[in-house]
Each structure stands twice: as C-alpha cells, then as structure tokens.
Amino acid sequence: MTDMNHLNEDGTVRMVDVGEKGVTNRKAIAVADISMENTTADRLFSGDLPKGDALATVRIAAIQAVKKTPDLIPLCHPLQISGVDVTIDRTEVGAAVRVEVRLQGRTGVEMEAMTGAAIGAIAMYDMIKGIDRSAEVTSVRLIEKTGGSSGEWRRE
C-alpha cells in the first residue's frame, strides 16, 4: 500500500490524499473489553449504579468519540458518518462495548470504531469506579472492516 503512505517523498508526515479513491460503502466494528467484579456487572446491567444509567452514558460517550476521532487522531480525515451502533454485552469477566460505524466515503472508519469502543469503555470505568476500583479496560481491537479497495477483513 505504498500509495497510502503517511509520509511524502521528503519523509515529512502528511495526511493521505484520498481524493482519487472511489466512494464505497464502508463499515468497521471494534470492541473494547472491561473487566470488573461480578457484583459490579450485576449492578451495571440491572441499572443499579449510584451515577445513574451507565449503559446510556456509555453509548453516548462512544458515539461522541466516533464523531470526534479526527480531533483526537492526528492524520484521520473528517468524515460524514452515516450511522453508529453501540451495543454493550455482559461477558464472563465484565462487559464488552461493541461499536459499528458506517459511511459512504473514500476512506475507512476503523479508527472511528476503535476510538468509540475505547472511549465507551473508559466512560464505563468512570461510571463504576466508585464501587469497583479493580475494574480495568483490558483490550480494544478491530473486529471487522468492509469496503474500499482492500475489501473485507475479519478477525479470526
């Protein structure tokens, strides 16, 4: 992918020019995991936390993060996001924040999905830290991306 280099011919950092790329439907899904005590997860998913509706707060934080990604990641393009879905599932060790981002555009939304998942997980930590200081964001990873010239990719 030499045409997608973030360095110009002099070795200076630049934003990649995507102007000649074709517009395609693009999607990316990322997940962030948060470990916590079982009693904390019980309270989180039953809506019994001192700070209120944590799951709604996490969803909003993740969506806001998706929209702010170019302000946070220096070489990301501002994008016209067409949709964001945030789901929060209970896991064996706590919870998983899953963020799916979609658009029709010239560049992908992997960074937006990962940023949304990461910030959603950090917002969850903020909502539960008062009752569980041992809670921990343990991973953030891209699960899937579709669209563009590189096609589809899925984590095994």
Protein backbone atom coordinates (compact mmCIF):
# COMPACT_ATOMS: atom_id res chain seq x y z
CA MET A 1 0.00 0.00 0.00
CA THR A 2 2.70 2.49 -0.98
CA ASP A 3 0.01 4.87 -2.24
CA MET A 4 -1.41 5.10 1.31
CA ASN A 5 1.81 6.29 2.93
CA HIS A 6 1.56 9.00 5.58
CA LEU A 7 4.97 10.33 4.55
CA ASN A 8 5.63 12.48 1.49
CA GLU A 9 8.67 11.97 -0.75
CA ASP A 10 10.80 14.04 1.67
CA GLY A 11 9.78 11.90 4.66
CA THR A 12 7.50 14.58 6.11
CA VAL A 13 4.27 13.47 7.77
CA ARG A 14 1.18 14.32 5.77
CA MET A 15 -2.50 13.44 5.58
CA VAL A 16 -3.07 10.92 2.79
CA ASP A 17 -4.90 12.36 -0.22
CA VAL A 18 -7.97 10.18 -0.77
CA GLY A 19 -9.50 12.45 -3.43
CA GLU A 20 -8.94 9.99 -6.28
CA LYS A 21 -10.30 6.98 -4.39
CA GLY A 22 -13.76 5.70 -5.22
CA VAL A 23 -16.71 6.22 -2.90
CA THR A 24 -17.84 2.88 -1.45
CA ASN A 25 -19.98 1.64 1.42
CA ARG A 26 -17.66 1.15 4.36
CA LYS A 27 -18.13 -0.36 7.78
CA ALA A 28 -15.91 -1.09 10.75
CA ILE A 29 -16.63 -2.88 14.02
CA ALA A 30 -14.44 -2.61 17.12
CA VAL A 31 -14.77 -3.99 20.64
CA ALA A 32 -13.35 -2.89 23.97
CA ASP A 33 -13.43 -5.20 27.00
CA ILE A 34 -13.79 -4.11 30.62
CA SER A 35 -13.12 -6.50 33.49
CA MET A 36 -14.93 -5.95 36.78
CA GLU A 37 -16.22 -7.79 39.80
CA ASN A 38 -19.35 -9.89 39.22
CA THR A 39 -21.31 -7.81 41.72
CA THR A 40 -20.37 -4.68 39.76
CA ALA A 41 -21.52 -6.25 36.50
CA ASP A 42 -24.79 -7.24 38.18
CA ARG A 43 -25.37 -3.65 39.24
CA LEU A 44 -24.28 -2.24 35.86
CA PHE A 45 -26.68 -4.39 33.85
CA SER A 46 -29.56 -4.03 36.31
CA GLY A 47 -29.29 -0.23 36.28
CA ASP A 48 -28.41 -0.03 39.97
CA LEU A 49 -25.40 2.31 39.97
CA PRO A 50 -25.01 5.48 42.05
CA LYS A 51 -24.22 7.56 38.92
CA GLY A 52 -27.40 6.54 37.10
CA ASP A 53 -27.93 4.91 33.72
CA ALA A 54 -24.38 3.83 32.93
CA LEU A 55 -25.27 1.96 29.75
CA ALA A 56 -26.89 5.03 28.18
CA THR A 57 -23.90 7.14 29.21
CA VAL A 58 -21.50 4.65 27.63
CA ARG A 59 -23.47 4.63 24.36
CA ILE A 60 -23.47 8.43 24.17
CA ALA A 61 -19.76 8.65 25.01
CA ALA A 62 -18.92 6.12 22.28
CA ILE A 63 -20.99 7.98 19.66
CA GLN A 64 -19.42 11.32 20.61
CA ALA A 65 -15.95 9.76 20.37
CA VAL A 66 -16.67 8.44 16.87
CA LYS A 67 -17.63 11.95 15.77
CA LYS A 68 -14.51 13.49 17.40
CA THR A 69 -11.96 10.97 16.06
CA PRO A 70 -10.27 13.41 13.62
CA ASP A 71 -9.75 15.81 16.54
CA LEU A 72 -8.00 13.06 18.53
CA ILE A 73 -6.05 11.04 15.95
CA PRO A 74 -3.84 13.47 14.03
CA LEU A 75 -3.94 12.01 10.50
CA CYS A 76 -7.60 10.94 10.37
CA HIS A 77 -9.87 12.61 7.84
CA PRO A 78 -13.09 14.31 8.96
CA LEU A 79 -15.84 12.01 7.71
CA GLN A 80 -19.57 12.13 7.03
CA ILE A 81 -20.55 9.22 9.27
CA SER A 82 -23.90 7.77 8.23
CA GLY A 83 -24.53 5.57 11.26
CA VAL A 84 -23.16 4.37 14.60
CA ASP A 85 -24.50 1.48 16.65
CA VAL A 86 -23.22 0.78 20.15
CA THR A 87 -24.01 -2.44 21.97
CA ILE A 88 -22.89 -3.42 25.44
CA ASP A 89 -22.83 -7.08 26.37
CA ARG A 90 -22.09 -8.86 29.59
CA THR A 91 -19.10 -11.17 29.40
CA GLU A 92 -17.55 -13.73 31.74
CA VAL A 93 -15.21 -11.09 33.14
CA GLY A 94 -17.40 -7.98 32.92
CA ALA A 95 -18.58 -6.21 29.78
CA ALA A 96 -17.78 -5.57 26.13
CA VAL A 97 -18.52 -2.32 24.29
CA ARG A 98 -19.06 -3.00 20.58
CA VAL A 99 -19.13 -0.08 18.14
CA GLU A 100 -20.16 -0.35 14.49
CA VAL A 101 -19.57 2.68 12.24
CA ARG A 102 -20.85 3.09 8.69
CA LEU A 103 -20.49 5.57 5.85
CA GLN A 104 -20.27 6.01 2.12
CA GLY A 105 -16.87 7.51 1.51
CA ARG A 106 -13.35 7.43 0.19
CA THR A 107 -11.65 6.19 3.37
CA GLY A 108 -12.46 3.68 6.06
CA VAL A 109 -13.85 4.07 9.55
CA GLU A 110 -11.61 1.69 11.51
CA MET A 111 -10.14 4.43 13.68
CA GLU A 112 -13.59 5.84 14.40
CA ALA A 113 -14.87 2.43 15.53
CA MET A 114 -11.81 1.80 17.72
CA THR A 115 -11.94 5.29 19.24
CA GLY A 116 -15.64 4.88 20.00
CA ALA A 117 -15.09 1.50 21.67
CA ALA A 118 -12.13 2.77 23.70
CA ILE A 119 -13.89 5.89 24.96
CA GLY A 120 -17.07 3.93 25.65
CA ALA A 121 -15.02 1.56 27.81
CA ILE A 122 -13.34 4.45 29.64
CA ALA A 123 -16.74 6.05 30.24
CA MET A 124 -17.92 2.73 31.68
CA TYR A 125 -14.93 2.69 34.01
CA ASP A 126 -15.87 6.20 35.13
CA MET A 127 -19.41 5.05 35.89
CA ILE A 128 -18.29 2.06 38.02
CA LYS A 129 -15.01 3.20 39.59
CA GLY A 130 -16.75 4.38 42.76
CA ILE A 131 -17.84 0.83 43.57
CA ASP A 132 -15.05 -1.15 41.86
CA ARG A 133 -11.55 0.32 41.71
CA SER A 134 -10.26 -3.00 40.36
CA ALA A 135 -12.19 -2.53 37.09
CA GLU A 136 -9.92 -2.43 34.07
CA VAL A 137 -10.13 -1.74 30.35
CA THR A 138 -8.31 -4.82 29.08
CA SER A 139 -8.38 -4.56 25.28
CA VAL A 140 -9.51 -2.55 22.29
CA ARG A 141 -9.47 -4.26 18.92
CA LEU A 142 -10.82 -4.06 15.40
CA ILE A 143 -13.14 -6.99 14.70
CA GLU A 144 -14.16 -6.34 11.11
CA LYS A 145 -13.91 -3.85 8.25
CA THR A 146 -15.60 -3.84 4.87
CA GLY A 147 -15.43 -1.63 1.80
CA GLY A 148 -12.74 0.11 -0.12
CA SER A 149 -10.09 -1.37 -2.40
CA SER A 150 -8.80 -3.74 0.30
CA GLY A 151 -12.23 -5.34 0.62
CA GLU A 152 -13.27 -7.29 3.69
CA TRP A 153 -11.25 -8.23 6.75
CA ARG A 154 -12.41 -10.14 9.84
CA ARG A 155 -10.51 -11.07 12.97
CA GLU A 156 -10.31 -14.84 13.40
